[in-house]
Amino acid sequence: MAIERSTTVASQDVIESKQDGIGHTKIEKPLQKHGGRLEHNETYCGSCFGAEATDDTCCNSCDEVREAYRKKGWALSDPESIDQCKREGYVQKLKDEEGEGCNVHGFLEVNKVAGNFHFVPGQSFHQSGFQFGDLIFFQQGNYNISHKVNRLAFGDFFPGVVNPLDGVQWNQEKQNGVYQYFVKVVPSIYTDVHGHTIQSNQFSVTEHFQKMEAGRMQSPPGVFFYYDLTPIKVIFEEQHVEFLHFLTNVCAIVGGIFTVSGIVDSFIYHGQRAIKKKMEIGKFN
């Protein structure tokens, strides 16, 4: 099953591309894994701050530290304490990107079982049975999940299909939260008059906004699409109308017209007679 989605969030300003290298802010002696500073002609090997998979693992950039934390299921709660992130100005970058949005377009191939896809800040990791984003702890207060779904389809287009989320827009007005779409997918088969078959899906949807409550373990702010397949299948078939069937329909229509005309004519005729009789009785009186 292929899923196509196109979601527009907030503005469409181009986010500045990231520079190559250890970091764009030059510090002469970055912190080494062994705790010292980088010396002349020494190979740089940054610390992963306890998230190393092996003793030889190096984290030379903030993204590598974040990835190591994600694999461990840890949250990067204080990036200013991470030498690589501080050197690259990671927190300032996030502040500079505040209010920016993005366009997402693509396809997903998934198994025919219940699941979800979502848009949340940062990279996801699981901890104690809950799903989090590594940016949640310092973006929790001002993350805007306003969005517009330009098109969402579960499968190929076929004549007559209606996708209820096309063009749907939601604007966040107050506090943070999670906007959820619960989608019921109905497998469908469409066959045209030439015998060409399209196997696709239709779907219905309900929406729910869940507010963020302080002190509770829950999903990060974002837009979630939960989908489930129904155990039924809808089959559409296009067929040519046979001539005899067409002729029968025409006769039925003509007969109906004559019947209605006869009823109207009889009503008018008897009405006129009744009025005329009353007028004649009134003259004799």
C-alpha atoms as a PDB file:
ATOM      1  CA  MET A   1       0.000   0.000   0.000  1.00  0.00           C
ATOM      2  CA  ALA A   2       1.388   3.370  -0.947  1.00  0.00           C
ATOM      3  CA  ILE A   3       0.575   6.510   0.993  1.00  0.00           C
ATOM      4  CA  GLU A   4       1.068   9.922  -0.496  1.00  0.00           C
ATOM      5  CA  ARG A   5       0.979  12.929   1.730  1.00  0.00           C
ATOM      6  CA  SER A   6       1.642  16.595   1.273  1.00  0.00           C
ATOM      7  CA  THR A   7       1.577  18.722   4.396  1.00  0.00           C
ATOM      8  CA  THR A   8       2.268  22.437   4.618  1.00  0.00           C
ATOM      9  CA  VAL A   9       3.203  23.881   8.000  1.00  0.00           C
ATOM     10  CA  ALA A  10       3.518  27.615   8.779  1.00  0.00           C
ATOM     11  CA  SER A  11       5.586  29.756   6.411  1.00  0.00           C
ATOM     12  CA  GLN A  12       7.717  28.657   3.463  1.00  0.00           C
ATOM     13  CA  ASP A  13      11.007  30.456   4.135  1.00  0.00           C
ATOM     14  CA  VAL A  14      14.155  28.633   3.086  1.00  0.00           C
ATOM     15  CA  ILE A  15      16.121  27.354   6.076  1.00  0.00           C
ATOM     16  CA  GLU A  16      19.808  28.192   5.899  1.00  0.00           C
ATOM     17  CA  SER A  17      21.980  25.275   4.791  1.00  0.00           C
ATOM     18  CA  LYS A  18      24.409  23.822   7.336  1.00  0.00           C
ATOM     19  CA  GLN A  19      28.124  24.338   6.815  1.00  0.00           C
ATOM     20  CA  ASP A  20      30.562  21.455   6.589  1.00  0.00           C
ATOM     21  CA  GLY A  21      33.285  20.646   9.078  1.00  0.00           C
ATOM     22  CA  ILE A  22      33.420  20.234  12.817  1.00  0.00           C
ATOM     23  CA  GLY A  23      31.430  23.409  13.335  1.00  0.00           C
ATOM     24  CA  HIS A  24      30.958  26.864  11.896  1.00  0.00           C
ATOM     25  CA  THR A  25      32.088  28.574  15.131  1.00  0.00           C
ATOM     26  CA  LYS A  26      35.846  28.109  15.267  1.00  0.00           C
ATOM     27  CA  ILE A  27      37.365  27.191  18.617  1.00  0.00           C
ATOM     28  CA  GLU A  28      41.061  26.514  18.472  1.00  0.00           C
ATOM     29  CA  LYS A  29      41.048  23.502  20.817  1.00  0.00           C
ATOM     30  CA  PRO A  30      37.855  21.416  20.818  1.00  0.00           C
ATOM     31  CA  LEU A  31      37.268  18.988  23.673  1.00  0.00           C
ATOM     32  CA  GLN A  32      38.669  15.529  23.027  1.00  0.00           C
ATOM     33  CA  LYS A  33      37.097  12.240  24.063  1.00  0.00           C
ATOM     34  CA  HIS A  34      39.816  11.641  26.648  1.00  0.00           C
ATOM     35  CA  GLY A  35      38.926  14.945  28.342  1.00  0.00           C
ATOM     36  CA  GLY A  36      41.775  17.091  27.058  1.00  0.00           C
ATOM     37  CA  ARG A  37      41.811  19.691  24.308  1.00  0.00           C
ATOM     38  CA  LEU A  38      42.789  19.051  20.695  1.00  0.00           C
ATOM     39  CA  GLU A  39      46.516  19.539  20.287  1.00  0.00           C
ATOM     40  CA  HIS A  40      48.550  20.219  17.129  1.00  0.00           C
ATOM     41  CA  ASN A  41      48.690  17.259  14.674  1.00  0.00           C
ATOM     42  CA  GLU A  42      46.324  15.252  16.877  1.00  0.00           C
ATOM     43  CA  THR A  43      43.303  13.505  15.315  1.00  0.00           C
ATOM     44  CA  TYR A  44      40.026  14.855  16.594  1.00  0.00           C
ATOM     45  CA  CYS A  45      37.771  12.333  18.366  1.00  0.00           C
ATOM     46  CA  GLY A  46      34.909  13.959  20.224  1.00  0.00           C
ATOM     47  CA  SER A  47      33.159  12.469  23.203  1.00  0.00           C
ATOM     48  CA  CYS A  48      29.641  11.008  22.930  1.00  0.00           C
ATOM     49  CA  PHE A  49      29.119  11.876  26.619  1.00  0.00           C
ATOM     50  CA  GLY A  50      28.349   8.360  27.778  1.00  0.00           C
ATOM     51  CA  ALA A  51      26.386   7.275  24.701  1.00  0.00           C
ATOM     52  CA  GLU A  52      29.281   5.542  22.926  1.00  0.00           C
ATOM     53  CA  ALA A  53      28.358   2.181  21.396  1.00  0.00           C
ATOM     54  CA  THR A  54      31.995   1.020  21.648  1.00  0.00           C
ATOM     55  CA  ASP A  55      35.211   2.364  23.138  1.00  0.00           C
ATOM     56  CA  ASP A  56      36.349   3.454  19.668  1.00  0.00           C
ATOM     57  CA  THR A  57      33.217   5.487  18.888  1.00  0.00           C
ATOM     58  CA  CYS A  58      33.745   9.198  18.229  1.00  0.00           C
ATOM     59  CA  CYS A  59      31.114  11.946  18.049  1.00  0.00           C
ATOM     60  CA  ASN A  60      32.654  14.838  16.132  1.00  0.00           C
ATOM     61  CA  SER A  61      29.509  16.909  15.612  1.00  0.00           C
ATOM     62  CA  CYS A  62      26.337  17.773  17.456  1.00  0.00           C
ATOM     63  CA  ASP A  63      24.301  15.606  15.077  1.00  0.00           C
ATOM     64  CA  GLU A  64      26.497  12.612  15.888  1.00  0.00           C
ATOM     65  CA  VAL A  65      25.971  13.172  19.613  1.00  0.00           C
ATOM     66  CA  ARG A  66      22.220  13.470  19.086  1.00  0.00           C
ATOM     67  CA  GLU A  67      22.191  10.252  17.047  1.00  0.00           C
ATOM     68  CA  ALA A  68      24.151   8.425  19.747  1.00  0.00           C
ATOM     69  CA  TYR A  69      21.709   9.668  22.376  1.00  0.00           C
ATOM     70  CA  ARG A  70      18.750   8.625  20.223  1.00  0.00           C
ATOM     71  CA  LYS A  71      20.094   5.078  19.859  1.00  0.00           C
ATOM     72  CA  LYS A  72      20.470   4.889  23.628  1.00  0.00           C
ATOM     73  CA  GLY A  73      16.954   6.193  24.145  1.00  0.00           C
ATOM     74  CA  TRP A  74      18.218   9.277  25.944  1.00  0.00           C
ATOM     75  CA  ALA A  75      16.962  12.845  25.633  1.00  0.00           C
ATOM     76  CA  LEU A  76      19.326  15.702  24.777  1.00  0.00           C
ATOM     77  CA  SER A  77      17.915  17.935  27.488  1.00  0.00           C
ATOM     78  CA  ASP A  78      20.794  20.439  27.741  1.00  0.00           C
ATOM     79  CA  PRO A  79      22.666  20.860  24.433  1.00  0.00           C
ATOM     80  CA  GLU A  80      24.629  23.811  25.871  1.00  0.00           C
ATOM     81  CA  SER A  81      26.491  21.306  28.052  1.00  0.00           C
ATOM     82  CA  ILE A  82      27.586  19.347  24.956  1.00  0.00           C
ATOM     83  CA  ASP A  83      30.866  20.707  23.602  1.00  0.00           C
ATOM     84  CA  GLN A  84      30.028  19.949  19.949  1.00  0.00           C
ATOM     85  CA  CYS A  85      26.557  21.542  20.166  1.00  0.00           C
ATOM     86  CA  LYS A  86      27.880  24.591  21.988  1.00  0.00           C
ATOM     87  CA  ARG A  87      30.656  25.008  19.446  1.00  0.00           C
ATOM     88  CA  GLU A  88      28.221  24.769  16.513  1.00  0.00           C
ATOM     89  CA  GLY A  89      25.728  27.184  18.074  1.00  0.00           C
ATOM     90  CA  TYR A  90      23.023  24.526  17.984  1.00  0.00           C
ATOM     91  CA  VAL A  91      20.599  26.212  20.390  1.00  0.00           C
ATOM     92  CA  GLN A  92      20.950  29.553  18.611  1.00  0.00           C
ATOM     93  CA  LYS A  93      20.163  27.846  15.312  1.00  0.00           C
ATOM     94  CA  LEU A  94      16.934  26.508  16.789  1.00  0.00           C
ATOM     95  CA  LYS A  95      16.011  29.967  18.026  1.00  0.00           C
ATOM     96  CA  ASP A  96      16.761  31.468  14.603  1.00  0.00           C
ATOM     97  CA  GLU A  97      14.484  28.882  12.966  1.00  0.00           C
ATOM     98  CA  GLU A  98      11.551  29.711  15.233  1.00  0.00           C
ATOM     99  CA  GLY A  99       8.410  30.411  13.200  1.00  0.00           C
ATOM    100  CA  GLU A 100       9.708  28.699  10.081  1.00  0.00           C
ATOM    101  CA  GLY A 101       7.695  25.995   8.378  1.00  0.00           C
ATOM    102  CA  CYS A 102       8.255  23.353   5.740  1.00  0.00           C
ATOM    103  CA  ASN A 103       6.597  21.539   2.851  1.00  0.00           C
ATOM    104  CA  VAL A 104       6.548  17.753   2.839  1.00  0.00           C
ATOM    105  CA  HIS A 105       5.787  15.649  -0.220  1.00  0.00           C
ATOM    106  CA  GLY A 106       6.406  11.970  -0.785  1.00  0.00           C
ATOM    107  CA  PHE A 107       5.267   8.365  -0.606  1.00  0.00           C
ATOM    108  CA  LEU A 108       5.305   5.716   2.102  1.00  0.00           C
ATOM    109  CA  GLU A 109       5.077   1.973   1.559  1.00  0.00           C
ATOM    110  CA  VAL A 110       3.681   0.214   4.605  1.00  0.00           C
ATOM    111  CA  ASN A 111       2.384  -3.207   5.557  1.00  0.00           C
ATOM    112  CA  LYS A 112      -1.346  -3.819   5.562  1.00  0.00           C
ATOM    113  CA  VAL A 113      -1.607  -3.516   9.329  1.00  0.00           C
ATOM    114  CA  ALA A 114      -2.502  -0.690  11.686  1.00  0.00           C
ATOM    115  CA  GLY A 115       0.192   1.940  12.173  1.00  0.00           C
ATOM    116  CA  ASN A 116       0.932   5.651  12.139  1.00  0.00           C
ATOM    117  CA  PHE A 117       3.152   8.299  10.624  1.00  0.00           C
ATOM    118  CA  HIS A 118       3.754  11.669  12.226  1.00  0.00           C
ATOM    119  CA  PHE A 119       5.524  15.020  12.086  1.00  0.00           C
ATOM    120  CA  VAL A 120       7.319  15.997  15.315  1.00  0.00           C
ATOM    121  CA  PRO A 121      10.359  18.150  16.187  1.00  0.00           C
ATOM    122  CA  GLY A 122      13.742  16.441  16.229  1.00  0.00           C
ATOM    123  CA  GLN A 123      14.466  12.728  16.070  1.00  0.00           C
ATOM    124  CA  SER A 124      12.257  10.210  17.829  1.00  0.00           C
ATOM    125  CA  PHE A 125      13.311   7.790  20.536  1.00  0.00           C
ATOM    126  CA  HIS A 126      11.462   5.482  22.931  1.00  0.00           C
ATOM    127  CA  GLN A 127      11.801   5.537  26.686  1.00  0.00           C
ATOM    128  CA  SER A 128       9.734   3.620  29.257  1.00  0.00           C
ATOM    129  CA  GLY A 129       7.189   2.728  26.598  1.00  0.00           C
ATOM    130  CA  PHE A 130       6.684   6.350  25.488  1.00  0.00           C
ATOM    131  CA  GLN A 131       7.805   8.095  22.331  1.00  0.00           C
ATOM    132  CA  PHE A 132       9.702  11.383  22.574  1.00  0.00           C
ATOM    133  CA  GLY A 133      11.538  13.847  20.347  1.00  0.00           C
ATOM    134  CA  ASP A 134      15.045  14.936  21.312  1.00  0.00           C
ATOM    135  CA  LEU A 135      14.007  18.605  21.115  1.00  0.00           C
ATOM    136  CA  ILE A 136      10.909  18.313  23.261  1.00  0.00           C
ATOM    137  CA  PHE A 137      12.529  19.433  26.517  1.00  0.00           C
ATOM    138  CA  PHE A 138      13.548  22.878  25.318  1.00  0.00           C
ATOM    139  CA  GLN A 139      10.888  23.557  22.648  1.00  0.00           C
ATOM    140  CA  GLN A 140       7.886  22.437  24.645  1.00  0.00           C
ATOM    141  CA  GLY A 141       6.572  25.899  25.382  1.00  0.00           C
ATOM    142  CA  ASN A 142       6.357  27.401  21.903  1.00  0.00           C
ATOM    143  CA  TYR A 143       6.055  24.669  19.286  1.00  0.00           C
ATOM    144  CA  ASN A 144       3.380  25.563  16.718  1.00  0.00           C
ATOM    145  CA  ILE A 145       1.695  22.623  14.985  1.00  0.00           C
ATOM    146  CA  SER A 146      -0.527  24.623  12.625  1.00  0.00           C
ATOM    147  CA  HIS A 147      -0.710  22.768   9.334  1.00  0.00           C
ATOM    148  CA  LYS A 148      -2.490  22.301   6.037  1.00  0.00           C
ATOM    149  CA  VAL A 149      -2.922  18.977   4.265  1.00  0.00           C
ATOM    150  CA  ASN A 150      -2.848  19.651   0.539  1.00  0.00           C
ATOM    151  CA  ARG A 151      -3.404  16.021  -0.403  1.00  0.00           C
ATOM    152  CA  LEU A 152      -3.479  12.715   1.426  1.00  0.00           C
ATOM    153  CA  ALA A 153      -4.262   9.487  -0.449  1.00  0.00           C
ATOM    154  CA  PHE A 154      -3.923   5.824   0.406  1.00  0.00           C
ATOM    155  CA  GLY A 155      -3.210   4.401  -3.017  1.00  0.00           C
ATOM    156  CA  ASP A 156      -3.772   5.406  -6.634  1.00  0.00           C
ATOM    157  CA  PHE A 157      -6.517   7.730  -7.801  1.00  0.00           C
ATOM    158  CA  PHE A 158      -9.603   6.296  -9.475  1.00  0.00           C
ATOM    159  CA  PRO A 159     -12.764   8.054 -10.773  1.00  0.00           C
ATOM    160  CA  GLY A 160     -15.178   8.989  -8.017  1.00  0.00           C
ATOM    161  CA  VAL A 161     -12.776   8.662  -5.105  1.00  0.00           C
ATOM    162  CA  VAL A 162     -13.005  11.406  -2.467  1.00  0.00           C
ATOM    163  CA  ASN A 163     -10.118  12.056  -0.056  1.00  0.00           C
ATOM    164  CA  PRO A 164     -11.664  13.849   2.951  1.00  0.00           C
ATOM    165  CA  LEU A 165      -8.410  15.456   4.133  1.00  0.00           C
ATOM    166  CA  ASP A 166      -7.542  17.217   0.862  1.00  0.00           C
ATOM    167  CA  GLY A 167      -7.253  20.947   1.542  1.00  0.00           C
ATOM    168  CA  VAL A 168      -7.898  20.619   5.295  1.00  0.00           C
ATOM    169  CA  GLN A 169      -6.215  23.338   7.390  1.00  0.00           C
ATOM    170  CA  TRP A 170      -5.879  23.699  11.159  1.00  0.00           C
ATOM    171  CA  ASN A 171      -4.404  26.675  13.019  1.00  0.00           C
ATOM    172  CA  GLN A 172      -3.135  26.437  16.574  1.00  0.00           C
ATOM    173  CA  GLU A 173      -4.510  29.239  18.706  1.00  0.00           C
ATOM    174  CA  LYS A 174      -3.476  28.480  22.281  1.00  0.00           C
ATOM    175  CA  GLN A 175      -1.276  26.009  24.091  1.00  0.00           C
ATOM    176  CA  ASN A 176       0.853  23.136  22.847  1.00  0.00           C
ATOM    177  CA  GLY A 177      -0.619  19.772  22.102  1.00  0.00           C
ATOM    178  CA  VAL A 178      -0.897  16.839  19.757  1.00  0.00           C
ATOM    179  CA  TYR A 179      -3.213  16.946  16.750  1.00  0.00           C
ATOM    180  CA  GLN A 180      -4.371  13.467  15.826  1.00  0.00           C
ATOM    181  CA  TYR A 181      -6.103  12.088  12.745  1.00  0.00           C
ATOM    182  CA  PHE A 182      -7.706   8.660  13.117  1.00  0.00           C
ATOM    183  CA  VAL A 183      -8.066   7.155   9.651  1.00  0.00           C
ATOM    184  CA  LYS A 184     -10.161   4.124   8.689  1.00  0.00           C
ATOM    185  CA  VAL A 185      -8.860   2.745   5.385  1.00  0.00           C
ATOM    186  CA  VAL A 186     -11.227   0.748   3.155  1.00  0.00           C
ATOM    187  CA  PRO A 187      -9.571  -1.374   0.422  1.00  0.00           C
ATOM    188  CA  SER A 188     -11.244  -0.720  -2.925  1.00  0.00           C
ATOM    189  CA  ILE A 189     -11.093  -2.210  -6.414  1.00  0.00           C
ATOM    190  CA  TYR A 190     -12.157  -0.163  -9.439  1.00  0.00           C
ATOM    191  CA  THR A 191     -12.728  -1.765 -12.859  1.00  0.00           C
ATOM    192  CA  ASP A 192     -13.507   0.422 -15.884  1.00  0.00           C
ATOM    193  CA  VAL A 193     -15.533  -0.493 -18.977  1.00  0.00           C
ATOM    194  CA  HIS A 194     -12.397  -1.773 -20.729  1.00  0.00           C
ATOM    195  CA  GLY A 195     -11.595  -4.208 -17.920  1.00  0.00           C
ATOM    196  CA  HIS A 196      -8.665  -2.255 -16.493  1.00  0.00           C
ATOM    197  CA  THR A 197      -8.443  -2.730 -12.725  1.00  0.00           C
ATOM    198  CA  ILE A 198      -7.094  -0.295 -10.126  1.00  0.00           C
ATOM    199  CA  GLN A 199      -6.502  -1.587  -6.600  1.00  0.00           C
ATOM    200  CA  SER A 200      -6.578   1.349  -4.233  1.00  0.00           C
ATOM    201  CA  ASN A 201      -8.146   2.525  -0.967  1.00  0.00           C
ATOM    202  CA  GLN A 202     -10.703   4.965   0.342  1.00  0.00           C
ATOM    203  CA  PHE A 203     -10.757   6.291   3.882  1.00  0.00           C
ATOM    204  CA  SER A 204     -12.790   8.120   6.478  1.00  0.00           C
ATOM    205  CA  VAL A 205     -11.259  10.230   9.233  1.00  0.00           C
ATOM    206  CA  THR A 206     -11.950  11.724  12.643  1.00  0.00           C
ATOM    207  CA  GLU A 207      -9.850  14.428  14.323  1.00  0.00           C
ATOM    208  CA  HIS A 208      -8.813  15.108  17.893  1.00  0.00           C
ATOM    209  CA  PHE A 209      -6.623  17.706  19.617  1.00  0.00           C
ATOM    210  CA  GLN A 210      -4.943  16.619  22.851  1.00  0.00           C
ATOM    211  CA  LYS A 211      -3.604  19.373  25.078  1.00  0.00           C
ATOM    212  CA  MET A 212      -0.192  19.069  26.710  1.00  0.00           C
ATOM    213  CA  GLU A 213      -0.460  18.740  30.470  1.00  0.00           C
ATOM    214  CA  ALA A 214       2.463  19.520  32.731  1.00  0.00           C
ATOM    215  CA  GLY A 215       3.929  16.594  34.611  1.00  0.00           C
ATOM    216  CA  ARG A 216       2.443  13.902  32.369  1.00  0.00           C
ATOM    217  CA  MET A 217       4.408  11.504  30.167  1.00  0.00           C
ATOM    218  CA  GLN A 218       2.954  11.788  26.665  1.00  0.00           C
ATOM    219  CA  SER A 219       3.784  12.200  22.998  1.00  0.00           C
ATOM    220  CA  PRO A 220       5.749  15.261  21.804  1.00  0.00           C
ATOM    221  CA  PRO A 221       3.806  18.089  20.151  1.00  0.00           C
ATOM    222  CA  GLY A 222       3.157  17.274  16.511  1.00  0.00           C
ATOM    223  CA  VAL A 223       0.716  16.005  13.915  1.00  0.00           C
ATOM    224  CA  PHE A 224      -0.076  12.284  14.042  1.00  0.00           C
ATOM    225  CA  PHE A 225      -1.904  10.139  11.484  1.00  0.00           C
ATOM    226  CA  TYR A 226      -3.129   6.820  12.925  1.00  0.00           C
ATOM    227  CA  TYR A 227      -4.488   4.461  10.280  1.00  0.00           C
ATOM    228  CA  ASP A 228      -6.260   1.119  10.474  1.00  0.00           C
ATOM    229  CA  LEU A 229      -7.638  -1.122   7.719  1.00  0.00           C
ATOM    230  CA  THR A 230     -11.241  -2.320   7.752  1.00  0.00           C
ATOM    231  CA  PRO A 231     -11.988  -6.015   7.130  1.00  0.00           C
ATOM    232  CA  ILE A 232     -14.272  -5.238   4.175  1.00  0.00           C
ATOM    233  CA  LYS A 233     -13.549  -4.414   0.536  1.00  0.00           C
ATOM    234  CA  VAL A 234     -15.522  -2.177  -1.836  1.00  0.00           C
ATOM    235  CA  ILE A 235     -15.726  -3.120  -5.533  1.00  0.00           C
ATOM    236  CA  PHE A 236     -16.650  -0.615  -8.259  1.00  0.00           C
ATOM    237  CA  GLU A 237     -17.409  -1.842 -11.789  1.00  0.00           C
ATOM    238  CA  GLU A 238     -18.212   0.260 -14.854  1.00  0.00           C
ATOM    239  CA  GLN A 239     -20.520  -1.426 -17.354  1.00  0.00           C
ATOM    240  CA  HIS A 240     -22.120  -0.503 -20.678  1.00  0.00           C
ATOM    241  CA  VAL A 241     -25.916  -0.233 -20.569  1.00  0.00           C
ATOM    242  CA  GLU A 242     -27.565  -2.759 -22.927  1.00  0.00           C
ATOM    243  CA  PHE A 243     -29.865  -1.357 -25.621  1.00  0.00           C
ATOM    244  CA  LEU A 244     -32.943  -3.211 -24.362  1.00  0.00           C
ATOM    245  CA  HIS A 245     -32.309  -1.944 -20.869  1.00  0.00           C
ATOM    246  CA  PHE A 246     -31.901   1.566 -22.246  1.00  0.00           C
ATOM    247  CA  LEU A 247     -35.141   1.217 -24.247  1.00  0.00           C
ATOM    248  CA  THR A 248     -36.968  -0.008 -21.155  1.00  0.00           C
ATOM    249  CA  ASN A 249     -35.767   3.009 -19.203  1.00  0.00           C
ATOM    250  CA  VAL A 250     -36.900   5.367 -21.980  1.00  0.00           C
ATOM    251  CA  CYS A 251     -40.335   3.755 -22.092  1.00  0.00           C
ATOM    252  CA  ALA A 252     -40.628   4.002 -18.329  1.00  0.00           C
ATOM    253  CA  ILE A 253     -39.730   7.697 -18.453  1.00  0.00           C
ATOM    254  CA  VAL A 254     -42.187   8.415 -21.287  1.00  0.00           C
ATOM    255  CA  GLY A 255     -44.905   6.443 -19.520  1.00  0.00           C
ATOM    256  CA  GLY A 256     -44.273   8.355 -16.328  1.00  0.00           C
ATOM    257  CA  ILE A 257     -44.532  11.660 -18.161  1.00  0.00           C
ATOM    258  CA  PHE A 258     -47.867  10.666 -19.721  1.00  0.00           C
ATOM    259  CA  THR A 259     -49.197   9.475 -16.378  1.00  0.00           C
ATOM    260  CA  VAL A 260     -48.280  12.688 -14.598  1.00  0.00           C
ATOM    261  CA  SER A 261     -49.660  14.755 -17.498  1.00  0.00           C
ATOM    262  CA  GLY A 262     -52.936  12.835 -17.323  1.00  0.00           C
ATOM    263  CA  ILE A 263     -53.230  13.442 -13.580  1.00  0.00           C
ATOM    264  CA  VAL A 264     -52.559  17.172 -13.996  1.00  0.00           C
ATOM    265  CA  ASP A 265     -55.006  17.413 -16.926  1.00  0.00           C
ATOM    266  CA  SER A 266     -57.720  15.566 -14.985  1.00  0.00           C
ATOM    267  CA  PHE A 267     -57.193  17.824 -11.959  1.00  0.00           C
ATOM    268  CA  ILE A 268     -57.478  20.973 -14.090  1.00  0.00           C
ATOM    269  CA  TYR A 269     -60.533  19.658 -16.015  1.00  0.00           C
ATOM    270  CA  HIS A 270     -62.497  18.645 -12.938  1.00  0.00           C
ATOM    271  CA  GLY A 271     -61.516  21.840 -11.171  1.00  0.00           C
ATOM    272  CA  GLN A 272     -62.823  23.981 -14.014  1.00  0.00           C
ATOM    273  CA  ARG A 273     -66.091  22.018 -14.111  1.00  0.00           C
ATOM    274  CA  ALA A 274     -66.634  22.457 -10.385  1.00  0.00           C
ATOM    275  CA  ILE A 275     -65.992  26.205 -10.592  1.00  0.00           C
ATOM    276  CA  LYS A 276     -68.277  26.555 -13.622  1.00  0.00           C
ATOM    277  CA  LYS A 277     -71.093  24.649 -11.866  1.00  0.00           C
ATOM    278  CA  LYS A 278     -70.845  26.887  -8.800  1.00  0.00           C
ATOM    279  CA  MET A 279     -70.997  29.983 -10.997  1.00  0.00           C
ATOM    280  CA  GLU A 280     -74.148  28.696 -12.760  1.00  0.00           C
ATOM    281  CA  ILE A 281     -75.835  27.917  -9.449  1.00  0.00           C
ATOM    282  CA  GLY A 282     -75.068  31.409  -8.267  1.00  0.00           C
ATOM    283  CA  LYS A 283     -76.748  32.970 -11.340  1.00  0.00           C
ATOM    284  CA  PHE A 284     -80.025  31.075 -10.799  1.00  0.00           C
ATOM    285  CA  ASN A 285     -80.081  32.193  -7.192  1.00  0.00           C
END
